[in-house]
Amino acid sequence: MSRRALFPLAVLFALSCAGGDAKDDTAAEADADTDTDADTDADTDADTDADTDADANAVLVGAAVDTSGNPVSGLRMQLCYHVCRTAESGADGSFRFEGVEGATHSLQAVTPGDTSVAVPTGLVTLGADESRTLPVPMVVVPYDARRDINAAGAVTSGVLTVQADPAGFTEGLYTTDYGEVYFAAVSVDPASAGVPLDTLSGTPVAMFHLGNYDGVLSPAWPFSVEGTFGLTEGQTVEIFAVDNATKTWASGGTATVTATGIQSGNGSGIPFLTTLVLVPTAG
């Protein structure tokens, strides 16, 4: 074969090799990018996990007793933020939560299988690394009475009467008697009930645990209370109830002290069937 014939073949071979090298270089760069992305993703995931774990170092310790001061064992204590952590009260009534997020949580004392017993509920705000012991045991007490609600009208349980409307009732996140509409209440002393009152503005003079637990009332149910709780006629109190969804004390408006009790104002009432408190207004 002549040298003229070999020259084009040599050129084609050289171009073919150059093309293959370019492809190899591109693939190598793609592999490097993939490795970098994988490393970045791994680092990001690790950082996120580490940050989440680092924020969940709080500890909460407490106890539960009955109205005679005796320890109550077997309670399902629920500490709820994005999800609910659970702990069972021991023979001495004590309970403990560890690895808790630094945030405001709702704390609920649930008696498993017995909805005739009220569910004391309060709010606890914990720092990221805080270790806290509740100073007063949570008191577990049965409701005074359960009143089924089939139609709108006045319903009384203990010293609390509500203008109930079943059309305004919906189940909440933690309603136990799902599908049932009833009203139950019990009055407790806010100073000795052991309910944590974090983020509540003011000092309550009255406290009630309500059921069907965690029911959402819209519009709020108007109410009246027998007894003035040491307040003077004409004085105004603010109405608050625990909102388990937002972990706040939801306002139900205001109520006024009468000669014999307390009456909610127009458009005011009970927004949630959880723990209700009445707080005197400033001044």
C-alpha atoms as a PDB file:
ATOM      1  CA  MET A   1       0.000   0.000   0.000  1.00  0.00           C
ATOM      2  CA  SER A   2       1.307   3.494  -0.822  1.00  0.00           C
ATOM      3  CA  ARG A   3       2.114   6.158   1.769  1.00  0.00           C
ATOM      4  CA  ARG A   4      -0.725   8.297   0.300  1.00  0.00           C
ATOM      5  CA  ALA A   5      -3.265   5.595   1.224  1.00  0.00           C
ATOM      6  CA  LEU A   6      -1.906   5.176   4.760  1.00  0.00           C
ATOM      7  CA  PHE A   7      -2.085   8.886   5.619  1.00  0.00           C
ATOM      8  CA  PRO A   8      -5.933   9.201   5.773  1.00  0.00           C
ATOM      9  CA  LEU A   9      -6.166   6.023   7.853  1.00  0.00           C
ATOM     10  CA  ALA A  10      -3.694   7.408  10.351  1.00  0.00           C
ATOM     11  CA  VAL A  11      -5.655  10.633  10.651  1.00  0.00           C
ATOM     12  CA  LEU A  12      -8.913   8.772  11.250  1.00  0.00           C
ATOM     13  CA  PHE A  13      -7.285   6.591  13.923  1.00  0.00           C
ATOM     14  CA  ALA A  14      -5.898   9.639  15.727  1.00  0.00           C
ATOM     15  CA  LEU A  15      -9.280  11.379  15.718  1.00  0.00           C
ATOM     16  CA  SER A  16     -10.969   8.226  17.000  1.00  0.00           C
ATOM     17  CA  CYS A  17      -8.564   8.001  19.923  1.00  0.00           C
ATOM     18  CA  ALA A  18      -8.981  11.667  20.760  1.00  0.00           C
ATOM     19  CA  GLY A  19     -12.778  11.236  20.849  1.00  0.00           C
ATOM     20  CA  GLY A  20     -12.493   8.281  23.213  1.00  0.00           C
ATOM     21  CA  ASP A  21     -10.269  10.264  25.573  1.00  0.00           C
ATOM     22  CA  ALA A  22     -12.805  13.114  25.626  1.00  0.00           C
ATOM     23  CA  LYS A  23     -15.575  10.696  26.551  1.00  0.00           C
ATOM     24  CA  ASP A  24     -13.472   9.195  29.321  1.00  0.00           C
ATOM     25  CA  ASP A  25     -12.669  12.649  30.702  1.00  0.00           C
ATOM     26  CA  THR A  26     -16.358  13.609  30.679  1.00  0.00           C
ATOM     27  CA  ALA A  27     -17.334  10.415  32.474  1.00  0.00           C
ATOM     28  CA  ALA A  28     -14.628  10.972  35.065  1.00  0.00           C
ATOM     29  CA  GLU A  29     -15.849  14.507  35.691  1.00  0.00           C
ATOM     30  CA  ALA A  30     -19.424  13.229  36.033  1.00  0.00           C
ATOM     31  CA  ASP A  31     -18.252  10.621  38.553  1.00  0.00           C
ATOM     32  CA  ALA A  32     -16.461  13.320  40.501  1.00  0.00           C
ATOM     33  CA  ASP A  33     -19.603  15.488  40.514  1.00  0.00           C
ATOM     34  CA  THR A  34     -21.696  12.525  41.645  1.00  0.00           C
ATOM     35  CA  ASP A  35     -19.277  11.799  44.458  1.00  0.00           C
ATOM     36  CA  THR A  36     -19.335  15.434  45.494  1.00  0.00           C
ATOM     37  CA  ASP A  37     -23.156  15.459  45.525  1.00  0.00           C
ATOM     38  CA  ALA A  38     -23.228  12.236  47.505  1.00  0.00           C
ATOM     39  CA  ASP A  39     -20.769  13.649  49.993  1.00  0.00           C
ATOM     40  CA  THR A  40     -22.767  16.861  50.260  1.00  0.00           C
ATOM     41  CA  ASP A  41     -26.013  14.964  50.781  1.00  0.00           C
ATOM     42  CA  ALA A  42     -24.403  12.729  53.373  1.00  0.00           C
ATOM     43  CA  ASP A  43     -22.933  15.724  55.183  1.00  0.00           C
ATOM     44  CA  THR A  44     -26.260  17.554  55.065  1.00  0.00           C
ATOM     45  CA  ASP A  45     -28.164  14.550  56.401  1.00  0.00           C
ATOM     46  CA  ALA A  46     -25.617  14.020  59.136  1.00  0.00           C
ATOM     47  CA  ASP A  47     -25.733  17.683  60.119  1.00  0.00           C
ATOM     48  CA  THR A  48     -29.536  17.667  60.186  1.00  0.00           C
ATOM     49  CA  ASP A  49     -29.648  14.535  62.324  1.00  0.00           C
ATOM     50  CA  ALA A  50     -27.007  15.930  64.651  1.00  0.00           C
ATOM     51  CA  ASP A  51     -28.880  19.226  65.002  1.00  0.00           C
ATOM     52  CA  THR A  52     -32.151  17.407  65.738  1.00  0.00           C
ATOM     53  CA  ASP A  53     -30.521  15.204  68.354  1.00  0.00           C
ATOM     54  CA  ALA A  54     -28.722  18.168  69.886  1.00  0.00           C
ATOM     55  CA  ASP A  55     -32.053  19.945  70.442  1.00  0.00           C
ATOM     56  CA  ALA A  56     -33.635  16.968  72.245  1.00  0.00           C
ATOM     57  CA  ASN A  57     -31.730  16.843  75.516  1.00  0.00           C
ATOM     58  CA  ALA A  58     -34.324  18.165  77.967  1.00  0.00           C
ATOM     59  CA  VAL A  59     -35.643  16.107  80.898  1.00  0.00           C
ATOM     60  CA  LEU A  60     -39.014  16.405  82.658  1.00  0.00           C
ATOM     61  CA  VAL A  61     -39.802  14.623  85.929  1.00  0.00           C
ATOM     62  CA  GLY A  62     -43.066  14.660  87.865  1.00  0.00           C
ATOM     63  CA  ALA A  63     -45.593  12.644  89.828  1.00  0.00           C
ATOM     64  CA  ALA A  64     -49.329  11.975  89.936  1.00  0.00           C
ATOM     65  CA  VAL A  65     -51.565  11.530  92.977  1.00  0.00           C
ATOM     66  CA  ASP A  66     -55.269  11.124  93.738  1.00  0.00           C
ATOM     67  CA  THR A  67     -57.370  13.581  95.747  1.00  0.00           C
ATOM     68  CA  SER A  68     -56.149  11.994  98.996  1.00  0.00           C
ATOM     69  CA  GLY A  69     -52.523  12.472  98.034  1.00  0.00           C
ATOM     70  CA  ASN A  70     -51.894   8.792  97.312  1.00  0.00           C
ATOM     71  CA  PRO A  71     -49.639   7.909  94.355  1.00  0.00           C
ATOM     72  CA  VAL A  72     -51.432   6.899  91.165  1.00  0.00           C
ATOM     73  CA  SER A  73     -49.647   4.226  89.149  1.00  0.00           C
ATOM     74  CA  GLY A  74     -50.354   3.070  85.599  1.00  0.00           C
ATOM     75  CA  LEU A  75     -51.273   6.484  84.226  1.00  0.00           C
ATOM     76  CA  ARG A  76     -50.350   7.174  80.618  1.00  0.00           C
ATOM     77  CA  MET A  77     -48.519  10.468  80.834  1.00  0.00           C
ATOM     78  CA  GLN A  78     -48.347  12.196  77.457  1.00  0.00           C
ATOM     79  CA  LEU A  79     -45.884  14.955  76.633  1.00  0.00           C
ATOM     80  CA  CYS A  80     -46.902  16.274  73.221  1.00  0.00           C
ATOM     81  CA  TYR A  81     -45.067  18.520  70.775  1.00  0.00           C
ATOM     82  CA  HIS A  82     -44.908  17.411  67.118  1.00  0.00           C
ATOM     83  CA  VAL A  83     -45.617  13.909  68.403  1.00  0.00           C
ATOM     84  CA  CYS A  84     -46.565  12.569  71.840  1.00  0.00           C
ATOM     85  CA  ARG A  85     -43.997  10.926  74.065  1.00  0.00           C
ATOM     86  CA  THR A  86     -45.542   8.593  76.623  1.00  0.00           C
ATOM     87  CA  ALA A  87     -44.420   7.431  80.054  1.00  0.00           C
ATOM     88  CA  GLU A  88     -46.249   5.270  82.581  1.00  0.00           C
ATOM     89  CA  SER A  89     -46.424   6.457  86.166  1.00  0.00           C
ATOM     90  CA  GLY A  90     -44.721   4.044  88.560  1.00  0.00           C
ATOM     91  CA  ALA A  91     -45.814   2.579  91.870  1.00  0.00           C
ATOM     92  CA  ASP A  92     -44.799   5.816  93.582  1.00  0.00           C
ATOM     93  CA  GLY A  93     -46.733   7.867  90.999  1.00  0.00           C
ATOM     94  CA  SER A  94     -43.562   9.222  89.424  1.00  0.00           C
ATOM     95  CA  PHE A  95     -42.915   9.637  85.703  1.00  0.00           C
ATOM     96  CA  ARG A  96     -39.936  10.759  83.667  1.00  0.00           C
ATOM     97  CA  PHE A  97     -39.325  11.969  80.123  1.00  0.00           C
ATOM     98  CA  GLU A  98     -35.819  12.135  78.636  1.00  0.00           C
ATOM     99  CA  GLY A  99     -34.445  13.330  75.299  1.00  0.00           C
ATOM    100  CA  VAL A 100     -37.175  15.956  74.974  1.00  0.00           C
ATOM    101  CA  GLU A 101     -37.132  18.866  72.520  1.00  0.00           C
ATOM    102  CA  GLY A 102     -36.658  22.370  73.795  1.00  0.00           C
ATOM    103  CA  ALA A 103     -40.174  23.729  73.152  1.00  0.00           C
ATOM    104  CA  THR A 104     -43.620  24.207  74.688  1.00  0.00           C
ATOM    105  CA  HIS A 105     -45.396  20.875  75.179  1.00  0.00           C
ATOM    106  CA  SER A 106     -48.841  19.878  76.425  1.00  0.00           C
ATOM    107  CA  LEU A 107     -48.699  17.489  79.399  1.00  0.00           C
ATOM    108  CA  GLN A 108     -51.689  15.173  79.828  1.00  0.00           C
ATOM    109  CA  ALA A 109     -52.437  12.653  82.575  1.00  0.00           C
ATOM    110  CA  VAL A 110     -54.609   9.957  80.974  1.00  0.00           C
ATOM    111  CA  THR A 111     -56.281   7.122  82.880  1.00  0.00           C
ATOM    112  CA  PRO A 112     -56.290   4.281  80.319  1.00  0.00           C
ATOM    113  CA  GLY A 113     -59.690   2.735  79.697  1.00  0.00           C
ATOM    114  CA  ASP A 114     -61.611   5.047  82.038  1.00  0.00           C
ATOM    115  CA  THR A 115     -63.044   8.232  80.549  1.00  0.00           C
ATOM    116  CA  SER A 116     -64.998   8.954  83.737  1.00  0.00           C
ATOM    117  CA  VAL A 117     -61.701  10.298  85.103  1.00  0.00           C
ATOM    118  CA  ALA A 118     -60.665  13.783  84.011  1.00  0.00           C
ATOM    119  CA  VAL A 119     -57.507  14.401  81.984  1.00  0.00           C
ATOM    120  CA  PRO A 120     -55.523  17.159  83.739  1.00  0.00           C
ATOM    121  CA  THR A 121     -53.691  19.111  81.043  1.00  0.00           C
ATOM    122  CA  GLY A 122     -51.123  21.884  81.254  1.00  0.00           C
ATOM    123  CA  LEU A 123     -48.357  23.460  79.207  1.00  0.00           C
ATOM    124  CA  VAL A 124     -44.648  22.972  79.906  1.00  0.00           C
ATOM    125  CA  THR A 125     -41.917  25.035  78.241  1.00  0.00           C
ATOM    126  CA  LEU A 126     -38.498  23.369  78.338  1.00  0.00           C
ATOM    127  CA  GLY A 127     -35.107  24.711  77.334  1.00  0.00           C
ATOM    128  CA  ALA A 128     -33.000  22.595  74.971  1.00  0.00           C
ATOM    129  CA  ASP A 129     -30.817  21.207  77.786  1.00  0.00           C
ATOM    130  CA  GLU A 130     -33.115  21.868  80.739  1.00  0.00           C
ATOM    131  CA  SER A 131     -33.706  19.297  83.458  1.00  0.00           C
ATOM    132  CA  ARG A 132     -36.896  20.113  85.323  1.00  0.00           C
ATOM    133  CA  THR A 133     -38.926  18.558  88.114  1.00  0.00           C
ATOM    134  CA  LEU A 134     -42.529  19.681  88.517  1.00  0.00           C
ATOM    135  CA  PRO A 135     -42.875  21.072  92.060  1.00  0.00           C
ATOM    136  CA  VAL A 136     -46.449  19.853  92.701  1.00  0.00           C
ATOM    137  CA  PRO A 137     -47.855  16.417  91.761  1.00  0.00           C
ATOM    138  CA  MET A 138     -50.652  16.401  89.191  1.00  0.00           C
ATOM    139  CA  VAL A 139     -53.922  15.499  90.915  1.00  0.00           C
ATOM    140  CA  VAL A 140     -56.078  12.960  89.098  1.00  0.00           C
ATOM    141  CA  VAL A 141     -59.795  13.320  89.836  1.00  0.00           C
ATOM    142  CA  PRO A 142     -63.042  11.933  88.364  1.00  0.00           C
ATOM    143  CA  TYR A 143     -65.555  14.175  86.655  1.00  0.00           C
ATOM    144  CA  ASP A 144     -68.551  15.280  88.722  1.00  0.00           C
ATOM    145  CA  ALA A 145     -71.010  14.021  86.122  1.00  0.00           C
ATOM    146  CA  ARG A 146     -71.316  13.162  82.442  1.00  0.00           C
ATOM    147  CA  ARG A 147     -74.189  14.696  80.497  1.00  0.00           C
ATOM    148  CA  ASP A 148     -74.901  13.401  77.007  1.00  0.00           C
ATOM    149  CA  ILE A 149     -75.829  16.116  74.529  1.00  0.00           C
ATOM    150  CA  ASN A 150     -78.455  15.314  71.926  1.00  0.00           C
ATOM    151  CA  ALA A 151     -79.790  18.810  71.319  1.00  0.00           C
ATOM    152  CA  ALA A 152     -78.806  22.398  72.019  1.00  0.00           C
ATOM    153  CA  GLY A 153     -79.533  23.587  75.536  1.00  0.00           C
ATOM    154  CA  ALA A 154     -78.251  24.061  79.084  1.00  0.00           C
ATOM    155  CA  VAL A 155     -76.204  21.204  80.560  1.00  0.00           C
ATOM    156  CA  THR A 156     -74.762  21.124  84.094  1.00  0.00           C
ATOM    157  CA  SER A 157     -71.875  19.156  85.558  1.00  0.00           C
ATOM    158  CA  GLY A 158     -70.891  20.117  89.098  1.00  0.00           C
ATOM    159  CA  VAL A 159     -70.822  23.896  89.488  1.00  0.00           C
ATOM    160  CA  LEU A 160     -70.425  24.547  85.762  1.00  0.00           C
ATOM    161  CA  THR A 161     -73.361  24.988  83.379  1.00  0.00           C
ATOM    162  CA  VAL A 162     -72.836  25.356  79.634  1.00  0.00           C
ATOM    163  CA  GLN A 163     -75.118  26.287  76.758  1.00  0.00           C
ATOM    164  CA  ALA A 164     -74.149  23.250  74.707  1.00  0.00           C
ATOM    165  CA  ASP A 165     -74.689  22.800  70.994  1.00  0.00           C
ATOM    166  CA  PRO A 166     -73.745  19.431  69.472  1.00  0.00           C
ATOM    167  CA  ALA A 167     -73.526  21.053  66.036  1.00  0.00           C
ATOM    168  CA  GLY A 168     -70.532  23.063  67.256  1.00  0.00           C
ATOM    169  CA  PHE A 169     -68.611  20.062  68.607  1.00  0.00           C
ATOM    170  CA  THR A 170     -65.787  18.287  66.753  1.00  0.00           C
ATOM    171  CA  GLU A 171     -63.231  15.792  68.032  1.00  0.00           C
ATOM    172  CA  GLY A 172     -59.726  17.031  68.756  1.00  0.00           C
ATOM    173  CA  LEU A 173     -56.339  15.360  68.375  1.00  0.00           C
ATOM    174  CA  TYR A 174     -56.672  13.359  71.594  1.00  0.00           C
ATOM    175  CA  THR A 175     -60.427  12.849  72.015  1.00  0.00           C
ATOM    176  CA  THR A 176     -60.887   9.411  73.573  1.00  0.00           C
ATOM    177  CA  ASP A 177     -64.650   8.859  73.256  1.00  0.00           C
ATOM    178  CA  TYR A 178     -64.615   9.424  69.515  1.00  0.00           C
ATOM    179  CA  GLY A 179     -68.022  10.060  67.979  1.00  0.00           C
ATOM    180  CA  GLU A 180     -69.702  10.857  71.313  1.00  0.00           C
ATOM    181  CA  VAL A 181     -70.929  14.311  72.299  1.00  0.00           C
ATOM    182  CA  TYR A 182     -71.194  14.923  76.020  1.00  0.00           C
ATOM    183  CA  PHE A 183     -70.180  17.407  78.677  1.00  0.00           C
ATOM    184  CA  ALA A 184     -68.329  16.524  81.860  1.00  0.00           C
ATOM    185  CA  ALA A 185     -66.571  18.812  84.326  1.00  0.00           C
ATOM    186  CA  VAL A 186     -64.861  18.939  87.674  1.00  0.00           C
ATOM    187  CA  SER A 187     -63.655  21.994  89.584  1.00  0.00           C
ATOM    188  CA  VAL A 188     -60.152  21.840  91.094  1.00  0.00           C
ATOM    189  CA  ASP A 189     -57.971  24.210  93.072  1.00  0.00           C
ATOM    190  CA  PRO A 190     -55.449  25.715  90.638  1.00  0.00           C
ATOM    191  CA  ALA A 191     -52.914  26.192  93.443  1.00  0.00           C
ATOM    192  CA  SER A 192     -52.782  22.497  94.348  1.00  0.00           C
ATOM    193  CA  ALA A 193     -53.888  20.769  91.123  1.00  0.00           C
ATOM    194  CA  GLY A 194     -50.288  20.368  89.951  1.00  0.00           C
ATOM    195  CA  VAL A 195     -51.148  21.547  86.429  1.00  0.00           C
ATOM    196  CA  PRO A 196     -48.177  23.388  84.862  1.00  0.00           C
ATOM    197  CA  LEU A 197     -49.213  26.846  83.715  1.00  0.00           C
ATOM    198  CA  ASP A 198     -46.289  27.875  81.516  1.00  0.00           C
ATOM    199  CA  THR A 199     -47.034  30.721  79.066  1.00  0.00           C
ATOM    200  CA  LEU A 200     -50.270  31.611  80.888  1.00  0.00           C
ATOM    201  CA  SER A 201     -50.543  35.314  81.619  1.00  0.00           C
ATOM    202  CA  GLY A 202     -51.806  35.911  85.158  1.00  0.00           C
ATOM    203  CA  THR A 203     -52.772  33.699  88.097  1.00  0.00           C
ATOM    204  CA  PRO A 204     -56.002  31.693  87.791  1.00  0.00           C
ATOM    205  CA  VAL A 205     -58.594  31.780  90.562  1.00  0.00           C
ATOM    206  CA  ALA A 206     -60.609  28.874  89.139  1.00  0.00           C
ATOM    207  CA  MET A 207     -59.771  25.734  87.176  1.00  0.00           C
ATOM    208  CA  PHE A 208     -61.919  23.033  85.583  1.00  0.00           C
ATOM    209  CA  HIS A 209     -61.047  19.801  83.801  1.00  0.00           C
ATOM    210  CA  LEU A 210     -63.529  19.199  80.980  1.00  0.00           C
ATOM    211  CA  GLY A 211     -64.735  16.395  78.707  1.00  0.00           C
ATOM    212  CA  ASN A 212     -65.455  14.848  76.249  1.00  0.00           C
ATOM    213  CA  TYR A 213     -61.736  15.475  76.384  1.00  0.00           C
ATOM    214  CA  ASP A 214     -60.120  17.655  73.731  1.00  0.00           C
ATOM    215  CA  GLY A 215     -63.409  18.458  72.044  1.00  0.00           C
ATOM    216  CA  VAL A 216     -63.216  21.575  69.880  1.00  0.00           C
ATOM    217  CA  LEU A 217     -66.133  23.987  70.306  1.00  0.00           C
ATOM    218  CA  SER A 218     -66.933  26.448  67.536  1.00  0.00           C
ATOM    219  CA  PRO A 219     -68.534  28.729  68.376  1.00  0.00           C
ATOM    220  CA  ALA A 220     -67.422  28.633  71.993  1.00  0.00           C
ATOM    221  CA  TRP A 221     -70.034  27.384  74.450  1.00  0.00           C
ATOM    222  CA  PRO A 222     -71.298  30.101  76.843  1.00  0.00           C
ATOM    223  CA  PHE A 223     -71.228  29.128  80.514  1.00  0.00           C
ATOM    224  CA  SER A 224     -71.995  30.137  84.078  1.00  0.00           C
ATOM    225  CA  VAL A 225     -70.320  29.066  87.314  1.00  0.00           C
ATOM    226  CA  GLU A 226     -71.786  28.784  90.793  1.00  0.00           C
ATOM    227  CA  GLY A 227     -69.635  30.705  93.281  1.00  0.00           C
ATOM    228  CA  THR A 228     -67.491  33.799  93.008  1.00  0.00           C
ATOM    229  CA  PHE A 229     -64.125  32.276  94.035  1.00  0.00           C
ATOM    230  CA  GLY A 230     -63.434  35.242  96.306  1.00  0.00           C
ATOM    231  CA  LEU A 231     -63.956  37.826  93.559  1.00  0.00           C
ATOM    232  CA  THR A 232     -66.157  40.903  93.816  1.00  0.00           C
ATOM    233  CA  GLU A 233     -69.323  41.510  91.851  1.00  0.00           C
ATOM    234  CA  GLY A 234     -68.658  43.300  88.586  1.00  0.00           C
ATOM    235  CA  GLN A 235     -65.071  42.088  88.319  1.00  0.00           C
ATOM    236  CA  THR A 236     -63.945  40.695  84.950  1.00  0.00           C
ATOM    237  CA  VAL A 237     -62.025  37.474  84.360  1.00  0.00           C
ATOM    238  CA  GLU A 238     -60.350  36.177  81.224  1.00  0.00           C
ATOM    239  CA  ILE A 239     -61.215  32.714  79.918  1.00  0.00           C
ATOM    240  CA  PHE A 240     -58.446  30.369  78.760  1.00  0.00           C
ATOM    241  CA  ALA A 241     -58.330  26.689  77.800  1.00  0.00           C
ATOM    242  CA  VAL A 242     -55.444  24.520  76.612  1.00  0.00           C
ATOM    243  CA  ASP A 243     -55.292  24.186  72.829  1.00  0.00           C
ATOM    244  CA  ASN A 244     -53.492  20.889  72.293  1.00  0.00           C
ATOM    245  CA  ALA A 245     -52.978  21.572  68.587  1.00  0.00           C
ATOM    246  CA  THR A 246     -51.063  24.831  68.993  1.00  0.00           C
ATOM    247  CA  LYS A 247     -49.718  24.223  72.531  1.00  0.00           C
ATOM    248  CA  THR A 248     -51.145  27.536  73.733  1.00  0.00           C
ATOM    249  CA  TRP A 249     -53.708  28.863  76.185  1.00  0.00           C
ATOM    250  CA  ALA A 250     -56.528  29.727  73.815  1.00  0.00           C
ATOM    251  CA  SER A 251     -58.654  32.712  74.753  1.00  0.00           C
ATOM    252  CA  GLY A 252     -62.383  32.232  75.155  1.00  0.00           C
ATOM    253  CA  GLY A 253     -63.037  35.918  75.806  1.00  0.00           C
ATOM    254  CA  THR A 254     -64.163  37.268  79.165  1.00  0.00           C
ATOM    255  CA  ALA A 255     -66.665  36.600  81.930  1.00  0.00           C
ATOM    256  CA  THR A 256     -68.143  38.814  84.635  1.00  0.00           C
ATOM    257  CA  VAL A 257     -68.595  38.118  88.342  1.00  0.00           C
ATOM    258  CA  THR A 258     -72.211  38.343  89.470  1.00  0.00           C
ATOM    259  CA  ALA A 259     -73.641  38.336  92.977  1.00  0.00           C
ATOM    260  CA  THR A 260     -73.675  34.529  93.058  1.00  0.00           C
ATOM    261  CA  GLY A 261     -71.279  33.333  90.381  1.00  0.00           C
ATOM    262  CA  ILE A 262     -69.511  34.019  87.092  1.00  0.00           C
ATOM    263  CA  GLN A 263     -71.182  34.471  83.687  1.00  0.00           C
ATOM    264  CA  SER A 264     -69.416  34.462  80.319  1.00  0.00           C
ATOM    265  CA  GLY A 265     -69.961  37.559  78.185  1.00  0.00           C
ATOM    266  CA  ASN A 266     -71.573  37.895  74.781  1.00  0.00           C
ATOM    267  CA  GLY A 267     -69.572  35.961  72.193  1.00  0.00           C
ATOM    268  CA  SER A 268     -67.386  34.442  74.930  1.00  0.00           C
ATOM    269  CA  GLY A 269     -67.247  30.916  76.251  1.00  0.00           C
ATOM    270  CA  ILE A 270     -65.350  27.636  76.363  1.00  0.00           C
ATOM    271  CA  PRO A 271     -63.257  27.045  73.203  1.00  0.00           C
ATOM    272  CA  PHE A 272     -61.877  23.575  74.082  1.00  0.00           C
ATOM    273  CA  LEU A 273     -62.908  20.760  76.418  1.00  0.00           C
ATOM    274  CA  THR A 274     -59.502  20.452  78.071  1.00  0.00           C
ATOM    275  CA  THR A 275     -58.353  22.319  81.190  1.00  0.00           C
ATOM    276  CA  LEU A 276     -60.165  25.647  81.606  1.00  0.00           C
ATOM    277  CA  VAL A 277     -58.905  28.505  83.797  1.00  0.00           C
ATOM    278  CA  LEU A 278     -60.357  31.849  84.808  1.00  0.00           C
ATOM    279  CA  VAL A 279     -57.853  34.667  85.304  1.00  0.00           C
ATOM    280  CA  PRO A 280     -58.783  38.072  86.824  1.00  0.00           C
ATOM    281  CA  THR A 281     -58.024  40.930  84.457  1.00  0.00           C
ATOM    282  CA  ALA A 282     -55.326  43.358  85.470  1.00  0.00           C
ATOM    283  CA  GLY A 283     -56.650  46.364  87.371  1.00  0.00           C
END
